[in-house]
Amino acid sequence: MENEINEVYSIISRNFEVEKSGELTIDTLVKMLSVRIRELLEKNLEKLVSIMYRIDLNQAKVDKIFENISKDEIAYQLAVLIIERQIEKIRTRRLYKSAGGEIEE
């Protein structure tokens, strides 16, 4: 799991331009990403939408999250969804790699 967290951080740091602060855990990743998403919601929604599109988030889940009134809650739920999606992608890559196929990022 620790290796997955580091991989998720690596992907998130590239997409969202965040820097590590302290020990990496799922909770710290969610908090770190929530802050950045909240900032993007306020200042650069187009960039946030573009990143979410590249990450390939489930549109129905994203739409449900945006039904919230609080931008803080939207940011938190998007952070959780993004991290879950990245973990899913990492596990899928590993599965196919161990099955003998090569998958590019």
N, C-alpha and C. Protein backbone atom coordinates (compact mmCIF):
# COMPACT_ATOMS: atom_id res chain seq x y z
N MET A 1 0.82 -1.20 0.00
CA MET A 1 0.00 0.00 0.00
C MET A 1 0.86 1.26 0.00
N GLU A 2 2.00 1.21 0.73
CA GLU A 2 2.88 2.37 0.78
C GLU A 2 3.40 2.73 -0.61
N ASN A 3 3.73 1.70 -1.38
CA ASN A 3 4.21 1.93 -2.74
C ASN A 3 3.12 2.58 -3.59
N GLU A 4 1.88 2.13 -3.42
CA GLU A 4 0.75 2.73 -4.15
C GLU A 4 0.60 4.20 -3.78
N ILE A 5 0.74 4.51 -2.50
CA ILE A 5 0.60 5.89 -2.05
C ILE A 5 1.67 6.76 -2.72
N ASN A 6 2.89 6.26 -2.79
CA ASN A 6 3.95 7.01 -3.45
C ASN A 6 3.68 7.20 -4.94
N GLU A 7 3.15 6.16 -5.58
CA GLU A 7 2.80 6.27 -7.00
C GLU A 7 1.67 7.27 -7.21
N VAL A 8 0.67 7.22 -6.35
CA VAL A 8 -0.45 8.16 -6.45
C VAL A 8 0.07 9.58 -6.25
N TYR A 9 0.92 9.77 -5.26
CA TYR A 9 1.48 11.10 -5.02
C TYR A 9 2.23 11.59 -6.26
N SER A 10 3.01 10.72 -6.86
CA SER A 10 3.77 11.10 -8.05
C SER A 10 2.85 11.59 -9.17
N ILE A 11 1.78 10.88 -9.40
CA ILE A 11 0.81 11.26 -10.44
C ILE A 11 0.11 12.57 -10.07
N ILE A 12 -0.32 12.66 -8.83
CA ILE A 12 -1.05 13.85 -8.37
C ILE A 12 -0.14 15.07 -8.41
N SER A 13 1.10 14.91 -7.99
CA SER A 13 2.00 16.06 -7.97
C SER A 13 2.24 16.59 -9.38
N ARG A 14 2.30 15.71 -10.37
CA ARG A 14 2.46 16.15 -11.76
C ARG A 14 1.22 16.88 -12.26
N ASN A 15 0.05 16.31 -12.00
CA ASN A 15 -1.20 16.89 -12.52
C ASN A 15 -1.63 18.15 -11.78
N PHE A 16 -1.45 18.16 -10.47
CA PHE A 16 -1.99 19.25 -9.67
C PHE A 16 -0.93 20.19 -9.10
N GLU A 17 0.34 19.91 -9.38
CA GLU A 17 1.43 20.76 -8.91
C GLU A 17 1.38 20.98 -7.40
N VAL A 18 1.36 19.89 -6.67
CA VAL A 18 1.37 19.95 -5.20
C VAL A 18 2.70 19.40 -4.70
N GLU A 19 3.09 19.87 -3.52
CA GLU A 19 4.34 19.42 -2.92
C GLU A 19 4.05 18.65 -1.64
N LYS A 20 4.88 17.64 -1.42
CA LYS A 20 4.73 16.79 -0.24
C LYS A 20 5.02 17.59 1.02
N SER A 21 4.20 17.37 2.03
CA SER A 21 4.45 17.99 3.33
C SER A 21 4.24 16.93 4.39
N GLY A 22 5.33 16.42 4.92
CA GLY A 22 5.24 15.40 5.95
C GLY A 22 5.12 14.01 5.37
N GLU A 23 4.70 13.09 6.24
CA GLU A 23 4.56 11.69 5.86
C GLU A 23 3.39 11.51 4.91
N LEU A 24 3.59 10.66 3.91
CA LEU A 24 2.53 10.39 2.94
C LEU A 24 1.61 9.29 3.44
N THR A 25 0.36 9.64 3.61
CA THR A 25 -0.70 8.68 3.90
C THR A 25 -1.87 9.05 3.00
N ILE A 26 -2.85 8.19 2.95
CA ILE A 26 -4.05 8.52 2.18
C ILE A 26 -4.68 9.81 2.71
N ASP A 27 -4.74 9.94 4.03
CA ASP A 27 -5.34 11.15 4.62
C ASP A 27 -4.60 12.41 4.24
N THR A 28 -3.26 12.37 4.28
CA THR A 28 -2.50 13.57 3.92
C THR A 28 -2.63 13.87 2.43
N LEU A 29 -2.70 12.83 1.61
CA LEU A 29 -2.92 13.05 0.18
C LEU A 29 -4.27 13.71 -0.07
N VAL A 30 -5.30 13.22 0.61
CA VAL A 30 -6.64 13.80 0.44
C VAL A 30 -6.64 15.26 0.87
N LYS A 31 -6.04 15.56 2.02
CA LYS A 31 -6.00 16.94 2.50
C LYS A 31 -5.23 17.84 1.55
N MET A 32 -4.07 17.37 1.11
CA MET A 32 -3.22 18.14 0.20
C MET A 32 -3.96 18.41 -1.11
N LEU A 33 -4.56 17.39 -1.65
CA LEU A 33 -5.27 17.52 -2.92
C LEU A 33 -6.53 18.35 -2.77
N SER A 34 -7.23 18.23 -1.66
CA SER A 34 -8.43 19.03 -1.41
C SER A 34 -8.13 20.52 -1.45
N VAL A 35 -7.02 20.89 -0.82
CA VAL A 35 -6.62 22.31 -0.80
C VAL A 35 -6.38 22.81 -2.22
N ARG A 36 -5.67 22.02 -3.00
CA ARG A 36 -5.37 22.43 -4.39
C ARG A 36 -6.63 22.46 -5.24
N ILE A 37 -7.50 21.50 -5.07
CA ILE A 37 -8.75 21.49 -5.84
C ILE A 37 -9.61 22.69 -5.46
N ARG A 38 -9.66 23.02 -4.19
CA ARG A 38 -10.43 24.18 -3.72
C ARG A 38 -9.91 25.44 -4.39
N GLU A 39 -8.59 25.55 -4.48
CA GLU A 39 -7.97 26.70 -5.14
C GLU A 39 -8.35 26.74 -6.63
N LEU A 40 -8.31 25.59 -7.28
CA LEU A 40 -8.67 25.54 -8.70
C LEU A 40 -10.15 25.84 -8.92
N LEU A 41 -11.00 25.41 -8.00
CA LEU A 41 -12.42 25.73 -8.10
C LEU A 41 -12.64 27.24 -8.12
N GLU A 42 -11.85 27.95 -7.35
CA GLU A 42 -11.98 29.41 -7.25
C GLU A 42 -11.30 30.14 -8.39
N LYS A 43 -10.11 29.68 -8.78
CA LYS A 43 -9.28 30.49 -9.67
C LYS A 43 -9.13 29.96 -11.09
N ASN A 44 -9.31 28.64 -11.29
CA ASN A 44 -9.05 28.09 -12.62
C ASN A 44 -9.86 26.81 -12.84
N LEU A 45 -11.16 26.97 -12.91
CA LEU A 45 -12.06 25.84 -13.07
C LEU A 45 -11.76 25.07 -14.36
N GLU A 46 -11.39 25.79 -15.42
CA GLU A 46 -11.10 25.13 -16.70
C GLU A 46 -9.94 24.14 -16.55
N LYS A 47 -8.91 24.52 -15.81
CA LYS A 47 -7.77 23.63 -15.60
C LYS A 47 -8.21 22.40 -14.81
N LEU A 48 -9.02 22.59 -13.78
CA LEU A 48 -9.52 21.48 -12.98
C LEU A 48 -10.32 20.51 -13.85
N VAL A 49 -11.20 21.03 -14.67
CA VAL A 49 -12.01 20.19 -15.55
C VAL A 49 -11.12 19.42 -16.53
N SER A 50 -10.11 20.08 -17.06
CA SER A 50 -9.18 19.44 -17.98
C SER A 50 -8.44 18.28 -17.30
N ILE A 51 -7.97 18.51 -16.08
CA ILE A 51 -7.26 17.46 -15.34
C ILE A 51 -8.20 16.29 -15.06
N MET A 52 -9.43 16.60 -14.63
CA MET A 52 -10.39 15.52 -14.33
C MET A 52 -10.69 14.71 -15.58
N TYR A 53 -10.75 15.37 -16.73
CA TYR A 53 -11.00 14.67 -17.98
C TYR A 53 -9.85 13.73 -18.30
N ARG A 54 -8.60 14.20 -18.14
CA ARG A 54 -7.43 13.37 -18.41
C ARG A 54 -7.35 12.17 -17.47
N ILE A 55 -7.76 12.38 -16.22
CA ILE A 55 -7.73 11.30 -15.24
C ILE A 55 -8.80 10.26 -15.54
N ASP A 56 -9.81 10.66 -16.29
CA ASP A 56 -10.90 9.78 -16.70
C ASP A 56 -11.79 9.39 -15.52
N LEU A 57 -12.29 10.43 -14.84
CA LEU A 57 -13.21 10.20 -13.74
C LEU A 57 -14.58 9.85 -14.27
N ASN A 58 -15.32 9.08 -13.50
CA ASN A 58 -16.68 8.72 -13.85
C ASN A 58 -17.55 9.98 -13.81
N GLN A 59 -18.15 10.32 -14.95
CA GLN A 59 -18.90 11.56 -15.06
C GLN A 59 -20.10 11.61 -14.13
N ALA A 60 -20.78 10.50 -13.95
CA ALA A 60 -21.94 10.47 -13.05
C ALA A 60 -21.52 10.77 -11.62
N LYS A 61 -20.37 10.24 -11.20
CA LYS A 61 -19.87 10.51 -9.85
C LYS A 61 -19.47 11.97 -9.70
N VAL A 62 -18.84 12.52 -10.72
CA VAL A 62 -18.44 13.93 -10.68
C VAL A 62 -19.68 14.83 -10.60
N ASP A 63 -20.68 14.51 -11.42
CA ASP A 63 -21.92 15.30 -11.40
C ASP A 63 -22.57 15.26 -10.02
N LYS A 64 -22.58 14.11 -9.41
CA LYS A 64 -23.16 13.96 -8.06
C LYS A 64 -22.39 14.82 -7.05
N ILE A 65 -21.07 14.81 -7.15
CA ILE A 65 -20.26 15.62 -6.24
C ILE A 65 -20.57 17.10 -6.40
N PHE A 66 -20.74 17.56 -7.63
CA PHE A 66 -21.00 18.97 -7.87
C PHE A 66 -22.41 19.41 -7.45
N GLU A 67 -23.23 18.49 -7.00
CA GLU A 67 -24.54 18.85 -6.45
C GLU A 67 -24.40 19.47 -5.06
N ASN A 68 -23.24 19.29 -4.42
CA ASN A 68 -23.00 19.86 -3.09
C ASN A 68 -22.96 21.38 -3.17
N ILE A 69 -23.36 22.02 -2.10
CA ILE A 69 -23.35 23.47 -2.02
C ILE A 69 -21.98 23.98 -1.61
N SER A 70 -21.33 23.28 -0.72
CA SER A 70 -20.06 23.70 -0.16
C SER A 70 -18.90 23.37 -1.09
N LYS A 71 -18.11 24.38 -1.45
CA LYS A 71 -16.94 24.13 -2.28
C LYS A 71 -15.90 23.30 -1.54
N ASP A 72 -15.85 23.43 -0.23
CA ASP A 72 -14.93 22.61 0.55
C ASP A 72 -15.30 21.14 0.45
N GLU A 73 -16.59 20.84 0.51
CA GLU A 73 -17.05 19.46 0.39
C GLU A 73 -16.83 18.93 -1.03
N ILE A 74 -17.06 19.76 -2.02
CA ILE A 74 -16.80 19.37 -3.41
C ILE A 74 -15.32 19.03 -3.57
N ALA A 75 -14.45 19.89 -3.05
CA ALA A 75 -13.01 19.66 -3.16
C ALA A 75 -12.61 18.37 -2.47
N TYR A 76 -13.14 18.14 -1.28
CA TYR A 76 -12.82 16.92 -0.53
C TYR A 76 -13.27 15.67 -1.29
N GLN A 77 -14.51 15.67 -1.75
CA GLN A 77 -15.03 14.48 -2.44
C GLN A 77 -14.33 14.24 -3.78
N LEU A 78 -13.97 15.31 -4.49
CA LEU A 78 -13.21 15.14 -5.73
C LEU A 78 -11.83 14.55 -5.43
N ALA A 79 -11.20 15.02 -4.36
CA ALA A 79 -9.88 14.49 -3.98
C ALA A 79 -9.97 13.00 -3.72
N VAL A 80 -10.97 12.58 -2.98
CA VAL A 80 -11.15 11.15 -2.69
C VAL A 80 -11.37 10.38 -3.99
N LEU A 81 -12.23 10.89 -4.85
CA LEU A 81 -12.52 10.22 -6.12
C LEU A 81 -11.27 10.11 -6.99
N ILE A 82 -10.48 11.17 -7.06
CA ILE A 82 -9.27 11.17 -7.87
C ILE A 82 -8.26 10.15 -7.34
N ILE A 83 -8.08 10.13 -6.04
CA ILE A 83 -7.14 9.18 -5.43
C ILE A 83 -7.61 7.75 -5.65
N GLU A 84 -8.89 7.50 -5.48
CA GLU A 84 -9.43 6.16 -5.72
C GLU A 84 -9.20 5.74 -7.17
N ARG A 85 -9.40 6.67 -8.09
CA ARG A 85 -9.22 6.36 -9.52
C ARG A 85 -7.76 6.05 -9.83
N GLN A 86 -6.86 6.81 -9.23
CA GLN A 86 -5.44 6.56 -9.48
C GLN A 86 -5.01 5.21 -8.93
N ILE A 87 -5.50 4.86 -7.76
CA ILE A 87 -5.18 3.54 -7.18
C ILE A 87 -5.72 2.44 -8.08
N GLU A 88 -6.94 2.62 -8.59
CA GLU A 88 -7.53 1.64 -9.50
C GLU A 88 -6.66 1.47 -10.75
N LYS A 89 -6.19 2.58 -11.32
CA LYS A 89 -5.35 2.51 -12.51
C LYS A 89 -4.02 1.81 -12.22
N ILE A 90 -3.42 2.11 -11.08
CA ILE A 90 -2.15 1.49 -10.69
C ILE A 90 -2.33 -0.02 -10.56
N ARG A 91 -3.39 -0.43 -9.90
CA ARG A 91 -3.64 -1.87 -9.71
C ARG A 91 -3.91 -2.56 -11.03
N THR A 92 -4.61 -1.90 -11.93
CA THR A 92 -4.88 -2.48 -13.24
C THR A 92 -3.59 -2.64 -14.03
N ARG A 93 -2.73 -1.63 -14.00
CA ARG A 93 -1.44 -1.74 -14.68
C ARG A 93 -0.64 -2.92 -14.15
N ARG A 94 -0.61 -3.05 -12.83
CA ARG A 94 0.15 -4.15 -12.22
C ARG A 94 -0.42 -5.50 -12.63
N LEU A 95 -1.74 -5.59 -12.66
CA LEU A 95 -2.39 -6.84 -13.03
C LEU A 95 -2.00 -7.25 -14.44
N TYR A 96 -2.07 -6.31 -15.38
CA TYR A 96 -1.74 -6.63 -16.76
C TYR A 96 -0.25 -6.86 -16.95
N LYS A 97 0.57 -6.13 -16.20
CA LYS A 97 2.01 -6.31 -16.28
C LYS A 97 2.40 -7.70 -15.77
N SER A 98 1.77 -8.12 -14.66
CA SER A 98 2.10 -9.45 -14.12
C SER A 98 1.54 -10.56 -15.00
N ALA A 99 0.56 -10.25 -15.83
CA ALA A 99 0.00 -11.24 -16.75
C ALA A 99 0.83 -11.35 -18.02
N GLY A 100 1.91 -10.55 -18.09
CA GLY A 100 2.80 -10.66 -19.24
C GLY A 100 2.66 -9.56 -20.27
N GLY A 101 1.62 -8.77 -20.17
CA GLY A 101 1.44 -7.68 -21.11
C GLY A 101 2.07 -6.41 -20.57
N GLU A 102 2.41 -5.50 -21.45
CA GLU A 102 2.96 -4.21 -21.04
C GLU A 102 1.92 -3.14 -21.30
N ILE A 103 1.70 -2.32 -20.30
CA ILE A 103 0.75 -1.23 -20.43
C ILE A 103 1.50 0.06 -20.19
N GLU A 104 1.34 1.01 -21.06
CA GLU A 104 1.99 2.31 -20.87
C GLU A 104 1.07 3.22 -20.08
N GLU A 105 1.70 4.16 -19.38
CA GLU A 105 0.95 5.11 -18.55
C GLU A 105 0.22 6.08 -19.35
